[in-house]
C-alpha atoms as a PDB file:
ATOM      1  CA  MET A   1      -9.309 -22.792  -7.655  1.00  0.00           C
ATOM      2  CA  ILE A   2      -8.972 -18.990  -7.563  1.00  0.00           C
ATOM      3  CA  THR A   3      -6.685 -17.660  -4.827  1.00  0.00           C
ATOM      4  CA  LEU A   4      -6.896 -14.044  -3.650  1.00  0.00           C
ATOM      5  CA  ALA A   5      -4.095 -12.576  -1.534  1.00  0.00           C
ATOM      6  CA  LEU A   6      -5.083 -10.036   1.114  1.00  0.00           C
ATOM      7  CA  SER A   7      -3.433  -8.497   4.154  1.00  0.00           C
ATOM      8  CA  LYS A   8      -5.162  -8.163   7.510  1.00  0.00           C
ATOM      9  CA  GLY A   9      -6.557  -4.845   8.641  1.00  0.00           C
ATOM     10  CA  ARG A  10      -7.910  -1.957   6.622  1.00  0.00           C
ATOM     11  CA  ILE A  11      -7.396  -3.466   3.161  1.00  0.00           C
ATOM     12  CA  PHE A  12      -9.087  -6.723   4.180  1.00  0.00           C
ATOM     13  CA  ASP A  13     -12.045  -4.923   5.747  1.00  0.00           C
ATOM     14  CA  GLU A  14     -12.533  -2.545   2.820  1.00  0.00           C
ATOM     15  CA  THR A  15     -12.224  -5.347   0.244  1.00  0.00           C
ATOM     16  CA  LEU A  16     -15.120  -7.320   1.770  1.00  0.00           C
ATOM     17  CA  PRO A  17     -17.878  -5.208   0.118  1.00  0.00           C
ATOM     18  CA  LEU A  18     -16.166  -5.654  -3.254  1.00  0.00           C
ATOM     19  CA  LEU A  19     -16.012  -9.411  -2.739  1.00  0.00           C
ATOM     20  CA  LYS A  20     -19.685  -9.399  -1.785  1.00  0.00           C
ATOM     21  CA  ALA A  21     -20.479  -7.669  -5.078  1.00  0.00           C
ATOM     22  CA  ALA A  22     -18.772 -10.611  -6.774  1.00  0.00           C
ATOM     23  CA  GLY A  23     -20.897 -13.031  -4.752  1.00  0.00           C
ATOM     24  CA  ILE A  24     -17.962 -14.013  -2.563  1.00  0.00           C
ATOM     25  CA  GLU A  25     -18.115 -14.049   1.236  1.00  0.00           C
ATOM     26  CA  VAL A  26     -15.176 -14.999   3.459  1.00  0.00           C
ATOM     27  CA  LEU A  27     -16.402 -17.569   5.968  1.00  0.00           C
ATOM     28  CA  GLU A  28     -13.926 -16.913   8.784  1.00  0.00           C
ATOM     29  CA  ASP A  29     -12.725 -13.792  10.580  1.00  0.00           C
ATOM     30  CA  PRO A  30      -8.960 -13.328  10.103  1.00  0.00           C
ATOM     31  CA  GLU A  31      -8.724 -11.646  13.505  1.00  0.00           C
ATOM     32  CA  THR A  32      -9.984 -14.734  15.340  1.00  0.00           C
ATOM     33  CA  SER A  33      -9.046 -17.581  13.025  1.00  0.00           C
ATOM     34  CA  ARG A  34      -5.552 -19.051  13.172  1.00  0.00           C
ATOM     35  CA  LYS A  35      -5.806 -20.148   9.548  1.00  0.00           C
ATOM     36  CA  LEU A  36      -3.717 -18.437   6.886  1.00  0.00           C
ATOM     37  CA  ILE A  37      -5.963 -19.730   4.085  1.00  0.00           C
ATOM     38  CA  LEU A  38      -9.614 -18.797   4.553  1.00  0.00           C
ATOM     39  CA  PRO A  39     -12.514 -20.508   2.774  1.00  0.00           C
ATOM     40  CA  THR A  40     -15.314 -18.596   1.081  1.00  0.00           C
ATOM     41  CA  ASN A  41     -18.892 -19.447   0.189  1.00  0.00           C
ATOM     42  CA  GLN A  42     -17.584 -20.250  -3.298  1.00  0.00           C
ATOM     43  CA  PRO A  43     -15.872 -23.667  -3.245  1.00  0.00           C
ATOM     44  CA  ASP A  44     -13.488 -22.596  -6.012  1.00  0.00           C
ATOM     45  CA  VAL A  45     -12.375 -19.324  -4.346  1.00  0.00           C
ATOM     46  CA  ARG A  46     -10.119 -18.961  -1.305  1.00  0.00           C
ATOM     47  CA  VAL A  47      -8.330 -16.095   0.446  1.00  0.00           C
ATOM     48  CA  VAL A  48      -4.706 -16.276   1.595  1.00  0.00           C
ATOM     49  CA  LEU A  49      -3.575 -13.927   4.345  1.00  0.00           C
ATOM     50  CA  VAL A  50      -0.105 -12.509   3.769  1.00  0.00           C
ATOM     51  CA  ARG A  51       1.935  -9.547   4.924  1.00  0.00           C
ATOM     52  CA  ALA A  52       0.959  -6.396   2.998  1.00  0.00           C
ATOM     53  CA  SER A  53       4.426  -6.033   1.474  1.00  0.00           C
ATOM     54  CA  ASP A  54       4.309  -9.658   0.241  1.00  0.00           C
ATOM     55  CA  VAL A  55       1.051  -9.426  -1.752  1.00  0.00           C
ATOM     56  CA  PRO A  56       2.709  -8.459  -5.080  1.00  0.00           C
ATOM     57  CA  THR A  57       5.291 -11.232  -4.672  1.00  0.00           C
ATOM     58  CA  TYR A  58       2.642 -13.897  -4.049  1.00  0.00           C
ATOM     59  CA  VAL A  59       0.748 -12.759  -7.135  1.00  0.00           C
ATOM     60  CA  GLU A  60       3.874 -12.422  -9.294  1.00  0.00           C
ATOM     61  CA  TYR A  61       5.106 -15.931  -8.528  1.00  0.00           C
ATOM     62  CA  GLY A  62       1.717 -17.652  -8.655  1.00  0.00           C
ATOM     63  CA  GLY A  63       1.110 -18.161  -4.949  1.00  0.00           C
ATOM     64  CA  ALA A  64      -2.092 -16.225  -5.607  1.00  0.00           C
ATOM     65  CA  ASP A  65      -4.009 -15.436  -8.779  1.00  0.00           C
ATOM     66  CA  LEU A  66      -5.116 -11.995  -7.623  1.00  0.00           C
ATOM     67  CA  GLY A  67      -4.316  -9.636  -4.783  1.00  0.00           C
ATOM     68  CA  VAL A  68      -5.212  -6.277  -3.306  1.00  0.00           C
ATOM     69  CA  THR A  69      -2.309  -4.048  -2.338  1.00  0.00           C
ATOM     70  CA  GLY A  70      -1.443  -0.389  -1.880  1.00  0.00           C
ATOM     71  CA  LYS A  71       0.080   1.747  -4.618  1.00  0.00           C
ATOM     72  CA  ASP A  72       3.014   2.362  -2.258  1.00  0.00           C
ATOM     73  CA  VAL A  73       3.745  -1.359  -2.018  1.00  0.00           C
ATOM     74  CA  LEU A  74       3.526  -1.751  -5.795  1.00  0.00           C
ATOM     75  CA  ILE A  75       5.993   1.062  -6.426  1.00  0.00           C
ATOM     76  CA  GLU A  76       8.466  -0.373  -3.924  1.00  0.00           C
ATOM     77  CA  HIS A  77       7.994  -3.876  -5.370  1.00  0.00           C
ATOM     78  CA  GLY A  78       8.333  -2.686  -8.939  1.00  0.00           C
ATOM     79  CA  GLY A  79       5.114  -4.317 -10.173  1.00  0.00           C
ATOM     80  CA  ALA A  80       7.019  -6.637 -12.503  1.00  0.00           C
ATOM     81  CA  GLY A  81       4.831  -9.160 -14.318  1.00  0.00           C
ATOM     82  CA  LEU A  82       1.623  -7.908 -12.717  1.00  0.00           C
ATOM     83  CA  TYR A  83      -1.546  -6.870 -14.510  1.00  0.00           C
ATOM     84  CA  GLN A  84      -3.051  -3.902 -12.657  1.00  0.00           C
ATOM     85  CA  PRO A  85      -6.607  -3.505 -13.956  1.00  0.00           C
ATOM     86  CA  LEU A  86      -8.193  -1.426 -11.206  1.00  0.00           C
ATOM     87  CA  ASP A  87      -7.661   1.360  -8.719  1.00  0.00           C
ATOM     88  CA  LEU A  88     -10.125   0.214  -6.045  1.00  0.00           C
ATOM     89  CA  HIS A  89     -10.226   3.608  -4.284  1.00  0.00           C
ATOM     90  CA  ILE A  90     -10.034   1.936  -0.866  1.00  0.00           C
ATOM     91  CA  ALA A  91      -7.491   2.257   1.968  1.00  0.00           C
ATOM     92  CA  GLN A  92      -6.884   5.831   0.865  1.00  0.00           C
ATOM     93  CA  CYS A  93      -4.127   7.941   2.409  1.00  0.00           C
ATOM     94  CA  HIS A  94      -1.097   9.799   1.103  1.00  0.00           C
ATOM     95  CA  MET A  95       2.692   9.701   1.176  1.00  0.00           C
ATOM     96  CA  ALA A  96       4.381  12.732   2.680  1.00  0.00           C
ATOM     97  CA  VAL A  97       7.599  14.184   4.023  1.00  0.00           C
ATOM     98  CA  ALA A  98       7.346  15.133   7.689  1.00  0.00           C
ATOM     99  CA  ALA A  99       9.843  16.854   9.963  1.00  0.00           C
ATOM    100  CA  PRO A 100      10.056  18.080  13.567  1.00  0.00           C
ATOM    101  CA  THR A 101       8.162  21.313  14.092  1.00  0.00           C
ATOM    102  CA  ASP A 102      11.386  23.027  15.217  1.00  0.00           C
ATOM    103  CA  PHE A 103      13.348  22.003  12.081  1.00  0.00           C
ATOM    104  CA  ASP A 104      13.293  24.506   9.205  1.00  0.00           C
ATOM    105  CA  TYR A 105      12.965  21.974   6.401  1.00  0.00           C
ATOM    106  CA  GLN A 106      12.318  24.530   3.651  1.00  0.00           C
ATOM    107  CA  LYS A 107      15.430  26.527   4.617  1.00  0.00           C
ATOM    108  CA  ALA A 108      17.565  23.372   4.608  1.00  0.00           C
ATOM    109  CA  VAL A 109      16.282  22.511   1.140  1.00  0.00           C
ATOM    110  CA  ARG A 110      16.880  26.047  -0.192  1.00  0.00           C
ATOM    111  CA  GLN A 111      20.432  26.068   1.127  1.00  0.00           C
ATOM    112  CA  GLY A 112      21.183  22.717  -0.502  1.00  0.00           C
ATOM    113  CA  SER A 113      21.888  20.994   2.803  1.00  0.00           C
ATOM    114  CA  ARG A 114      22.218  17.227   2.812  1.00  0.00           C
ATOM    115  CA  ILE A 115      19.182  15.930   4.717  1.00  0.00           C
ATOM    116  CA  ARG A 116      18.944  12.603   6.529  1.00  0.00           C
ATOM    117  CA  VAL A 117      15.589  10.972   5.813  1.00  0.00           C
ATOM    118  CA  ALA A 118      14.253   7.840   7.512  1.00  0.00           C
ATOM    119  CA  THR A 119      11.762   5.700   5.582  1.00  0.00           C
ATOM    120  CA  LYS A 120      10.841   2.198   4.535  1.00  0.00           C
ATOM    121  CA  TYR A 121       9.726   3.583   1.157  1.00  0.00           C
ATOM    122  CA  THR A 122      13.210   4.105  -0.260  1.00  0.00           C
ATOM    123  CA  THR A 123      12.216   3.850  -3.942  1.00  0.00           C
ATOM    124  CA  ILE A 124       9.505   6.497  -3.593  1.00  0.00           C
ATOM    125  CA  ALA A 125      11.688   8.755  -1.443  1.00  0.00           C
ATOM    126  CA  ARG A 126      14.721   8.455  -3.722  1.00  0.00           C
ATOM    127  CA  GLY A 127      12.678   9.323  -6.804  1.00  0.00           C
ATOM    128  CA  PHE A 128      10.908  12.242  -5.137  1.00  0.00           C
ATOM    129  CA  PHE A 129      14.040  13.930  -3.808  1.00  0.00           C
ATOM    130  CA  ALA A 130      16.028  13.254  -7.003  1.00  0.00           C
ATOM    131  CA  GLU A 131      13.335  14.978  -9.066  1.00  0.00           C
ATOM    132  CA  LYS A 132      13.511  18.004  -6.767  1.00  0.00           C
ATOM    133  CA  GLY A 133      17.314  18.016  -6.757  1.00  0.00           C
ATOM    134  CA  VAL A 134      17.435  17.669  -2.970  1.00  0.00           C
ATOM    135  CA  HIS A 135      20.446  15.880  -1.512  1.00  0.00           C
ATOM    136  CA  VAL A 136      19.437  13.185   0.977  1.00  0.00           C
ATOM    137  CA  ASP A 137      20.913  10.279   2.877  1.00  0.00           C
ATOM    138  CA  LEU A 138      18.186   7.638   3.164  1.00  0.00           C
ATOM    139  CA  ILE A 139      17.988   5.547   6.333  1.00  0.00           C
ATOM    140  CA  LYS A 140      15.952   2.369   5.845  1.00  0.00           C
ATOM    141  CA  LEU A 141      13.663   1.555   8.764  1.00  0.00           C
ATOM    142  CA  TYR A 142      10.773  -0.869   9.228  1.00  0.00           C
ATOM    143  CA  GLY A 143       9.297   0.300  12.531  1.00  0.00           C
ATOM    144  CA  SER A 144       7.919   3.602  13.767  1.00  0.00           C
ATOM    145  CA  MET A 145       9.399   6.300  11.522  1.00  0.00           C
ATOM    146  CA  GLU A 146       8.458   9.057  13.972  1.00  0.00           C
ATOM    147  CA  LEU A 147      11.130   7.869  16.379  1.00  0.00           C
ATOM    148  CA  ALA A 148      14.025   8.644  14.020  1.00  0.00           C
ATOM    149  CA  PRO A 149      13.791  12.472  14.234  1.00  0.00           C
ATOM    150  CA  LEU A 150      12.985  12.299  17.951  1.00  0.00           C
ATOM    151  CA  THR A 151      16.288  10.530  18.629  1.00  0.00           C
ATOM    152  CA  GLY A 152      18.273  12.780  16.289  1.00  0.00           C
ATOM    153  CA  MET A 153      18.951   9.954  13.832  1.00  0.00           C
ATOM    154  CA  ALA A 154      17.155  11.714  10.964  1.00  0.00           C
ATOM    155  CA  ASP A 155      16.086  15.227   9.999  1.00  0.00           C
ATOM    156  CA  ALA A 156      12.852  14.105   8.371  1.00  0.00           C
ATOM    157  CA  ILE A 157      10.800  11.056   7.443  1.00  0.00           C
ATOM    158  CA  VAL A 158       8.868   9.835   4.419  1.00  0.00           C
ATOM    159  CA  ASP A 159       5.818   7.853   5.451  1.00  0.00           C
ATOM    160  CA  LEU A 160       2.140   7.209   4.862  1.00  0.00           C
ATOM    161  CA  VAL A 161      -0.197   9.743   6.444  1.00  0.00           C
ATOM    162  CA  SER A 162      -3.872   9.164   7.095  1.00  0.00           C
ATOM    163  CA  THR A 163      -5.175  11.521   9.780  1.00  0.00           C
ATOM    164  CA  GLY A 164      -1.875  13.126  10.799  1.00  0.00           C
ATOM    165  CA  LYS A 165      -2.601  12.480  14.479  1.00  0.00           C
ATOM    166  CA  THR A 166       0.514  10.348  14.993  1.00  0.00           C
ATOM    167  CA  LEU A 167       2.706  13.073  13.508  1.00  0.00           C
ATOM    168  CA  LYS A 168       1.166  15.710  15.743  1.00  0.00           C
ATOM    169  CA  ALA A 169       1.513  13.539  18.847  1.00  0.00           C
ATOM    170  CA  ASN A 170       5.247  13.269  18.162  1.00  0.00           C
ATOM    171  CA  ASN A 171       5.807  16.988  17.391  1.00  0.00           C
ATOM    172  CA  LEU A 172       6.169  16.370  13.674  1.00  0.00           C
ATOM    173  CA  ALA A 173       4.486  18.239  10.846  1.00  0.00           C
ATOM    174  CA  GLU A 174       3.898  17.407   7.208  1.00  0.00           C
ATOM    175  CA  VAL A 175       6.190  19.548   5.034  1.00  0.00           C
ATOM    176  CA  GLU A 176       5.668  18.065   1.558  1.00  0.00           C
ATOM    177  CA  HIS A 177       2.953  16.007  -0.126  1.00  0.00           C
ATOM    178  CA  ILE A 178       4.446  13.295  -2.336  1.00  0.00           C
ATOM    179  CA  MET A 179       1.491  11.363  -3.743  1.00  0.00           C
ATOM    180  CA  ASP A 180      -1.988  10.044  -3.022  1.00  0.00           C
ATOM    181  CA  ILE A 181      -2.181   6.341  -2.203  1.00  0.00           C
ATOM    182  CA  SER A 182      -5.001   3.831  -2.597  1.00  0.00           C
ATOM    183  CA  ALA A 183      -5.288   0.058  -2.991  1.00  0.00           C
ATOM    184  CA  ARG A 184      -5.067  -1.624  -6.399  1.00  0.00           C
ATOM    185  CA  LEU A 185      -6.210  -4.964  -7.740  1.00  0.00           C
ATOM    186  CA  VAL A 186      -3.290  -6.925  -9.168  1.00  0.00           C
ATOM    187  CA  VAL A 187      -3.518 -10.101 -11.242  1.00  0.00           C
ATOM    188  CA  ASN A 188      -1.028 -12.782 -12.230  1.00  0.00           C
ATOM    189  CA  GLN A 189      -0.785 -12.575 -16.022  1.00  0.00           C
ATOM    190  CA  ALA A 190      -0.443 -16.330 -16.553  1.00  0.00           C
ATOM    191  CA  ALA A 191      -3.459 -16.989 -14.313  1.00  0.00           C
ATOM    192  CA  LEU A 192      -5.491 -14.491 -16.323  1.00  0.00           C
ATOM    193  CA  LYS A 193      -4.809 -16.523 -19.475  1.00  0.00           C
ATOM    194  CA  LEU A 194      -5.473 -19.906 -17.851  1.00  0.00           C
ATOM    195  CA  LYS A 195      -8.484 -18.895 -15.740  1.00  0.00           C
ATOM    196  CA  THR A 196      -9.845 -16.078 -17.872  1.00  0.00           C
ATOM    197  CA  ALA A 197     -13.587 -16.452 -17.219  1.00  0.00           C
ATOM    198  CA  PRO A 198     -13.615 -16.668 -13.373  1.00  0.00           C
ATOM    199  CA  ILE A 199     -10.950 -13.972 -12.950  1.00  0.00           C
ATOM    200  CA  ARG A 200     -12.703 -11.655 -15.398  1.00  0.00           C
ATOM    201  CA  ARG A 201     -15.950 -12.106 -13.452  1.00  0.00           C
ATOM    202  CA  ILE A 202     -14.209 -10.934 -10.271  1.00  0.00           C
ATOM    203  CA  ILE A 203     -12.539  -7.983 -12.039  1.00  0.00           C
ATOM    204  CA  ASP A 204     -15.839  -6.891 -13.603  1.00  0.00           C
ATOM    205  CA  ALA A 205     -17.718  -7.226 -10.285  1.00  0.00           C
ATOM    206  CA  PHE A 206     -15.055  -5.187  -8.489  1.00  0.00           C
ATOM    207  CA  ALA A 207     -15.161  -2.551 -11.226  1.00  0.00           C
ATOM    208  CA  GLY A 208     -18.925  -2.242 -10.870  1.00  0.00           C
ATOM    209  CA  ALA A 209     -18.724  -1.913  -7.092  1.00  0.00           C
ATOM    210  CA  VAL A 210     -15.840   0.572  -6.821  1.00  0.00           C
ATOM    211  CA  GLN A 211     -16.896   3.918  -5.381  1.00  0.00           C
ATOM    212  CA  VAL A 212     -14.940   6.520  -7.332  1.00  0.00           C
ATOM    213  CA  PRO A 213     -14.549   9.839  -5.470  1.00  0.00           C
ATOM    214  CA  GLU A 214     -16.082  12.808  -7.292  1.00  0.00           C
ATOM    215  CA  SER A 215     -12.707  14.529  -7.421  1.00  0.00           C
ATOM    216  CA  ALA A 216     -11.070  11.495  -9.063  1.00  0.00           C
END
């Protein structure tokens, strides 16, 4: 049995065409089914639905043989023990620093001020600001980051940005681009050795179906 870990939403939806290229079709809709393990048209392949941040952990510890997860999640997780054969170029967005439109972020940085930054991506944020030599106090949050500056709890946020509409609606503006983000295929290394042929077939099918942007 090959087990693939996916999270509901954009990653699940954008992984379906790649699965189809591998001859795999999920037989139930995760939005309507109450099941956490979904069957496919291949009797030896199943999909487990897990929280996005848990995908690397399920793959690392053998709860799944493969998984699809964002680069952001992998960096925060550390990626220990995971084989990462493919950038799937799906679920694309970017990580950015955003601040209230009435806060002079660049001036604060130039003056060496200590900035309070709210984020759930503490590893990425810590590395980014350390490389720039900017002094920050990181505030770990799990909910809506935009609320932190609005309540005065933070000067800025580090978060994923797709369209920027949520930032604009909350009077925030992107002030620094940190990195581009897309979803990656991750594989349990022990599973790759024990189930080489079926896992390699999936990897090769995904690789053949990935749409690489011209600028990539």
